[in-house]
């Protein structure tokens, strides 16, 4: 499982983004919630599978949101500035989480031991 471990973390982010896109793409009001909820998958991935898996997973999740969540569906173009800013906030927060979370986990282990 050691060789597949990073891919499991990426799969968690991709699965969460795909599921959220499927469930929330029909409602214009709830579309903005999907990236915020997907941050939970990035945190889980960063804690359990490492920083690289979280970074790759968050980029893959962003692409899934681009193609399957924000109109026009099936395209990587976003016409609405609010949707684009939401995706940029998601990606920025994901990068910060992916970098900081493993460090916090390592420091908490030092204090607990």
N, C-alpha and C. Protein backbone atom coordinates (compact mmCIF):
# COMPACT_ATOMS: atom_id res chain seq x y z
N UNK A 1 0.83 -1.20 0.00
CA UNK A 1 0.00 0.00 0.00
C UNK A 1 0.86 1.25 0.00
N UNK A 2 2.17 1.13 0.34
CA UNK A 2 3.03 2.30 0.41
C UNK A 2 3.13 3.04 -0.90
N UNK A 3 3.17 2.30 -2.03
CA UNK A 3 3.28 2.94 -3.33
C UNK A 3 1.99 3.59 -3.78
N UNK A 4 0.88 3.08 -3.32
CA UNK A 4 -0.41 3.63 -3.72
C UNK A 4 -0.93 4.70 -2.77
N UNK A 5 -0.30 4.85 -1.64
CA UNK A 5 -0.78 5.77 -0.60
C UNK A 5 -1.01 7.20 -1.09
N UNK A 6 -0.07 7.81 -1.82
CA UNK A 6 -0.34 9.17 -2.30
C UNK A 6 -1.54 9.26 -3.24
N UNK A 7 -1.75 8.21 -4.03
CA UNK A 7 -2.86 8.22 -4.97
C UNK A 7 -4.21 8.11 -4.27
N UNK A 8 -4.23 7.48 -3.12
CA UNK A 8 -5.47 7.41 -2.34
C UNK A 8 -5.87 8.81 -1.89
N UNK A 9 -4.89 9.59 -1.44
CA UNK A 9 -5.18 10.97 -1.03
C UNK A 9 -5.68 11.82 -2.18
N UNK A 10 -5.05 11.65 -3.34
CA UNK A 10 -5.51 12.40 -4.53
C UNK A 10 -6.92 11.96 -4.88
N UNK A 11 -7.19 10.67 -4.78
CA UNK A 11 -8.52 10.14 -5.09
C UNK A 11 -9.59 10.69 -4.16
N UNK A 12 -9.23 10.94 -2.91
CA UNK A 12 -10.20 11.53 -1.97
C UNK A 12 -10.59 12.93 -2.44
N UNK A 13 -9.61 13.73 -2.83
CA UNK A 13 -9.91 15.09 -3.30
C UNK A 13 -10.72 15.07 -4.60
N UNK A 14 -10.33 14.19 -5.52
CA UNK A 14 -11.03 14.09 -6.80
C UNK A 14 -12.45 13.57 -6.59
N UNK A 15 -12.60 12.56 -5.74
CA UNK A 15 -13.93 12.02 -5.46
C UNK A 15 -14.84 13.04 -4.81
N UNK A 16 -14.30 13.80 -3.86
CA UNK A 16 -15.11 14.83 -3.20
C UNK A 16 -15.54 15.90 -4.19
N UNK A 17 -14.61 16.33 -5.05
CA UNK A 17 -14.95 17.36 -6.04
C UNK A 17 -15.98 16.84 -7.04
N UNK A 18 -15.81 15.61 -7.48
CA UNK A 18 -16.77 15.04 -8.42
C UNK A 18 -18.15 14.89 -7.82
N UNK A 19 -18.21 14.40 -6.61
CA UNK A 19 -19.50 14.22 -5.94
C UNK A 19 -20.18 15.57 -5.68
N UNK A 20 -19.41 16.54 -5.22
CA UNK A 20 -19.98 17.87 -4.97
C UNK A 20 -20.44 18.52 -6.27
N UNK A 21 -19.69 18.35 -7.35
CA UNK A 21 -20.10 18.90 -8.64
C UNK A 21 -21.40 18.26 -9.12
N UNK A 22 -21.50 16.96 -8.93
CA UNK A 22 -22.70 16.24 -9.35
C UNK A 22 -23.92 16.70 -8.55
N UNK A 23 -23.75 16.86 -7.25
CA UNK A 23 -24.88 17.20 -6.38
C UNK A 23 -25.28 18.67 -6.44
N UNK A 24 -24.31 19.56 -6.68
CA UNK A 24 -24.59 20.99 -6.55
C UNK A 24 -24.61 21.76 -7.86
N UNK A 25 -24.43 21.10 -8.99
CA UNK A 25 -24.33 21.83 -10.25
C UNK A 25 -25.67 22.39 -10.73
N UNK A 26 -26.77 21.83 -10.26
CA UNK A 26 -28.09 22.29 -10.72
C UNK A 26 -28.55 23.58 -10.06
N UNK A 27 -28.01 23.91 -8.91
CA UNK A 27 -28.46 25.09 -8.17
C UNK A 27 -27.40 26.19 -8.23
N UNK A 28 -27.77 27.33 -8.75
CA UNK A 28 -26.83 28.45 -8.84
C UNK A 28 -26.47 28.99 -7.47
N UNK A 29 -27.39 28.88 -6.51
CA UNK A 29 -27.12 29.40 -5.17
C UNK A 29 -26.16 28.54 -4.38
N UNK A 30 -26.22 27.24 -4.56
CA UNK A 30 -25.37 26.35 -3.76
C UNK A 30 -24.06 25.97 -4.45
N UNK A 31 -23.85 26.43 -5.66
CA UNK A 31 -22.61 26.13 -6.38
C UNK A 31 -21.38 26.64 -5.65
N UNK A 32 -21.52 27.73 -4.94
CA UNK A 32 -20.38 28.34 -4.27
C UNK A 32 -19.96 27.59 -3.02
N UNK A 33 -20.81 26.70 -2.55
CA UNK A 33 -20.51 25.93 -1.35
C UNK A 33 -19.54 24.80 -1.65
N UNK A 34 -19.55 24.30 -2.86
CA UNK A 34 -18.75 23.12 -3.22
C UNK A 34 -17.25 23.31 -2.96
N UNK A 35 -16.62 24.39 -3.40
CA UNK A 35 -15.19 24.53 -3.09
C UNK A 35 -14.91 24.64 -1.59
N UNK A 36 -15.79 25.27 -0.85
CA UNK A 36 -15.59 25.37 0.60
C UNK A 36 -15.68 23.99 1.25
N UNK A 37 -16.60 23.16 0.80
CA UNK A 37 -16.71 21.81 1.33
C UNK A 37 -15.53 20.94 0.90
N UNK A 38 -15.03 21.17 -0.29
CA UNK A 38 -13.89 20.39 -0.79
C UNK A 38 -12.62 20.68 0.00
N UNK A 39 -12.56 21.81 0.67
CA UNK A 39 -11.40 22.10 1.53
C UNK A 39 -11.26 21.06 2.64
N UNK A 40 -12.37 20.49 3.07
CA UNK A 40 -12.31 19.45 4.10
C UNK A 40 -11.56 18.22 3.58
N UNK A 41 -11.77 17.90 2.31
CA UNK A 41 -11.04 16.77 1.71
C UNK A 41 -9.56 17.09 1.59
N UNK A 42 -9.22 18.34 1.30
CA UNK A 42 -7.82 18.74 1.21
C UNK A 42 -7.15 18.64 2.59
N UNK A 43 -7.85 19.06 3.63
CA UNK A 43 -7.31 18.95 4.98
C UNK A 43 -7.08 17.49 5.35
N UNK A 44 -8.07 16.65 5.08
CA UNK A 44 -7.95 15.22 5.35
C UNK A 44 -6.77 14.60 4.59
N UNK A 45 -6.63 14.97 3.34
CA UNK A 45 -5.53 14.46 2.53
C UNK A 45 -4.19 14.94 3.03
N UNK A 46 -4.09 16.21 3.39
CA UNK A 46 -2.82 16.75 3.88
C UNK A 46 -2.40 16.08 5.18
N UNK A 47 -3.35 15.83 6.06
CA UNK A 47 -3.04 15.20 7.35
C UNK A 47 -2.63 13.74 7.21
N UNK A 48 -3.32 13.01 6.35
CA UNK A 48 -3.12 11.57 6.29
C UNK A 48 -2.23 11.08 5.14
N UNK A 49 -2.12 11.86 4.08
CA UNK A 49 -1.40 11.37 2.91
C UNK A 49 -0.27 12.28 2.47
N UNK A 50 -0.13 13.44 3.08
CA UNK A 50 1.01 14.30 2.78
C UNK A 50 0.68 15.51 1.94
N UNK A 51 1.65 16.37 1.89
CA UNK A 51 1.52 17.67 1.24
C UNK A 51 1.38 17.55 -0.28
N UNK A 52 2.17 16.69 -0.91
CA UNK A 52 2.12 16.58 -2.37
C UNK A 52 0.76 16.04 -2.82
N UNK A 53 0.26 15.04 -2.13
CA UNK A 53 -1.06 14.50 -2.47
C UNK A 53 -2.14 15.56 -2.33
N UNK A 54 -2.05 16.39 -1.30
CA UNK A 54 -3.03 17.46 -1.11
C UNK A 54 -2.93 18.51 -2.21
N UNK A 55 -1.72 18.86 -2.60
CA UNK A 55 -1.55 19.85 -3.67
C UNK A 55 -2.07 19.33 -5.01
N UNK A 56 -1.69 18.11 -5.36
CA UNK A 56 -2.15 17.53 -6.63
C UNK A 56 -3.67 17.33 -6.59
N UNK A 57 -4.18 16.87 -5.46
CA UNK A 57 -5.62 16.68 -5.33
C UNK A 57 -6.40 17.98 -5.43
N UNK A 58 -5.85 19.06 -4.87
CA UNK A 58 -6.57 20.34 -4.95
C UNK A 58 -6.56 20.90 -6.37
N UNK A 59 -5.47 20.71 -7.09
CA UNK A 59 -5.44 21.16 -8.49
C UNK A 59 -6.42 20.34 -9.32
N UNK A 60 -6.45 19.02 -9.09
CA UNK A 60 -7.40 18.17 -9.82
C UNK A 60 -8.84 18.55 -9.46
N UNK A 61 -9.09 18.86 -8.20
CA UNK A 61 -10.43 19.28 -7.79
C UNK A 61 -10.82 20.60 -8.47
N UNK A 62 -9.88 21.51 -8.59
CA UNK A 62 -10.16 22.78 -9.28
C UNK A 62 -10.54 22.56 -10.73
N UNK A 63 -9.83 21.66 -11.39
CA UNK A 63 -10.16 21.36 -12.79
C UNK A 63 -11.54 20.73 -12.90
N UNK A 64 -11.86 19.85 -11.96
CA UNK A 64 -13.20 19.24 -11.96
C UNK A 64 -14.27 20.31 -11.75
N UNK A 65 -14.03 21.23 -10.83
CA UNK A 65 -14.99 22.32 -10.63
C UNK A 65 -15.10 23.18 -11.88
N UNK A 66 -13.99 23.46 -12.54
CA UNK A 66 -14.02 24.25 -13.78
C UNK A 66 -14.90 23.60 -14.84
N UNK A 67 -14.72 22.31 -15.03
CA UNK A 67 -15.39 21.63 -16.12
C UNK A 67 -16.83 21.24 -15.79
N UNK A 68 -17.08 20.77 -14.56
CA UNK A 68 -18.37 20.17 -14.25
C UNK A 68 -19.27 20.97 -13.32
N UNK A 69 -18.77 22.04 -12.71
CA UNK A 69 -19.60 22.78 -11.75
C UNK A 69 -20.02 24.15 -12.25
N UNK A 70 -19.06 24.91 -12.75
CA UNK A 70 -19.35 26.29 -13.14
C UNK A 70 -19.67 26.38 -14.63
N UNK A 71 -20.73 27.11 -14.98
CA UNK A 71 -21.09 27.23 -16.39
C UNK A 71 -20.07 28.08 -17.15
N UNK A 72 -19.88 27.81 -18.41
CA UNK A 72 -20.50 26.78 -19.24
C UNK A 72 -19.92 25.40 -18.91
N UNK A 73 -20.79 24.45 -18.66
CA UNK A 73 -20.38 23.10 -18.30
C UNK A 73 -19.64 22.45 -19.47
N UNK A 74 -18.60 21.71 -19.15
CA UNK A 74 -17.80 21.05 -20.18
C UNK A 74 -16.69 21.91 -20.73
N UNK A 75 -16.52 23.09 -20.20
CA UNK A 75 -15.48 24.01 -20.67
C UNK A 75 -14.65 24.48 -19.49
N UNK A 76 -13.41 24.86 -19.74
CA UNK A 76 -12.57 25.38 -18.67
C UNK A 76 -12.69 26.89 -18.53
N UNK A 77 -13.59 27.50 -19.27
CA UNK A 77 -13.82 28.93 -19.17
C UNK A 77 -14.87 29.23 -18.10
N UNK A 78 -14.63 30.29 -17.34
CA UNK A 78 -15.62 30.77 -16.38
C UNK A 78 -15.95 32.20 -16.74
N UNK A 79 -17.23 32.46 -16.92
CA UNK A 79 -17.65 33.80 -17.33
C UNK A 79 -17.91 34.72 -16.15
N UNK A 80 -18.35 34.17 -15.05
CA UNK A 80 -18.71 34.96 -13.88
C UNK A 80 -17.48 35.24 -13.01
N UNK A 81 -17.24 36.49 -12.70
CA UNK A 81 -16.07 36.86 -11.88
C UNK A 81 -16.17 36.32 -10.45
N UNK A 82 -17.37 36.23 -9.93
CA UNK A 82 -17.56 35.71 -8.58
C UNK A 82 -17.18 34.22 -8.52
N UNK A 83 -17.57 33.48 -9.53
CA UNK A 83 -17.20 32.06 -9.58
C UNK A 83 -15.69 31.89 -9.73
N UNK A 84 -15.07 32.74 -10.53
CA UNK A 84 -13.62 32.67 -10.70
C UNK A 84 -12.91 33.02 -9.39
N UNK A 85 -13.40 34.04 -8.69
CA UNK A 85 -12.78 34.40 -7.43
C UNK A 85 -12.97 33.30 -6.39
N UNK A 86 -14.11 32.63 -6.40
CA UNK A 86 -14.34 31.52 -5.47
C UNK A 86 -13.36 30.39 -5.73
N UNK A 87 -13.10 30.11 -6.98
CA UNK A 87 -12.14 29.05 -7.33
C UNK A 87 -10.72 29.46 -6.96
N UNK A 88 -10.39 30.73 -7.13
CA UNK A 88 -9.06 31.21 -6.74
C UNK A 88 -8.87 31.16 -5.22
N UNK A 89 -9.92 31.51 -4.48
CA UNK A 89 -9.86 31.41 -3.02
C UNK A 89 -9.68 29.96 -2.60
N UNK A 90 -10.40 29.05 -3.26
CA UNK A 90 -10.26 27.62 -2.96
C UNK A 90 -8.83 27.16 -3.20
N UNK A 91 -8.27 27.53 -4.34
CA UNK A 91 -6.92 27.06 -4.66
C UNK A 91 -5.89 27.67 -3.72
N UNK A 92 -6.04 28.94 -3.40
CA UNK A 92 -5.11 29.59 -2.46
C UNK A 92 -5.19 28.95 -1.08
N UNK A 93 -6.40 28.74 -0.59
CA UNK A 93 -6.57 28.10 0.72
C UNK A 93 -6.05 26.68 0.70
N UNK A 94 -6.24 25.97 -0.40
CA UNK A 94 -5.74 24.60 -0.50
C UNK A 94 -4.22 24.55 -0.43
N UNK A 95 -3.56 25.47 -1.10
CA UNK A 95 -2.09 25.50 -1.06
C UNK A 95 -1.61 25.82 0.35
N UNK A 96 -2.23 26.78 1.00
CA UNK A 96 -1.84 27.13 2.37
C UNK A 96 -2.07 25.95 3.31
N UNK A 97 -3.21 25.30 3.17
CA UNK A 97 -3.52 24.14 4.01
C UNK A 97 -2.53 23.01 3.75
N UNK A 98 -2.23 22.75 2.50
CA UNK A 98 -1.31 21.67 2.16
C UNK A 98 0.09 21.91 2.70
N UNK A 99 0.49 23.16 2.77
CA UNK A 99 1.83 23.48 3.27
C UNK A 99 1.87 23.48 4.79
N UNK A 100 0.85 24.03 5.42
CA UNK A 100 0.88 24.22 6.87
C UNK A 100 0.46 22.97 7.65
N UNK A 101 -0.51 22.23 7.17
CA UNK A 101 -1.07 21.12 7.95
C UNK A 101 -0.05 20.06 8.34
N UNK A 102 0.80 19.55 7.45
CA UNK A 102 1.79 18.57 7.90
C UNK A 102 2.77 19.13 8.93
N UNK A 103 3.09 20.40 8.82
CA UNK A 103 3.98 21.03 9.82
C UNK A 103 3.31 21.08 11.18
N UNK A 104 2.03 21.45 11.20
CA UNK A 104 1.30 21.49 12.46
C UNK A 104 1.19 20.10 13.08
N UNK A 105 0.99 19.12 12.24
CA UNK A 105 0.90 17.74 12.72
C UNK A 105 2.22 17.30 13.33
N UNK A 106 3.32 17.63 12.70
CA UNK A 106 4.65 17.27 13.19
C UNK A 106 4.94 17.98 14.50
N UNK A 107 4.60 19.27 14.60
CA UNK A 107 4.82 20.02 15.84
C UNK A 107 3.94 19.53 16.97
N UNK A 108 2.72 19.13 16.67
CA UNK A 108 1.85 18.63 17.74
C UNK A 108 2.36 17.30 18.28
N UNK A 109 2.98 16.49 17.45
CA UNK A 109 3.56 15.24 17.92
C UNK A 109 4.73 15.52 18.86
N UNK A 110 5.49 16.56 18.57
CA UNK A 110 6.63 16.90 19.44
C UNK A 110 6.14 17.34 20.82
N UNK A 111 5.04 18.10 20.85
CA UNK A 111 4.53 18.60 22.12
C UNK A 111 3.82 17.51 22.92
N UNK A 112 3.22 16.55 22.22
CA UNK A 112 2.50 15.49 22.91
C UNK A 112 3.41 14.42 23.48
N UNK A 113 4.59 14.28 22.92
CA UNK A 113 5.52 13.24 23.39
C UNK A 113 6.40 13.72 24.49
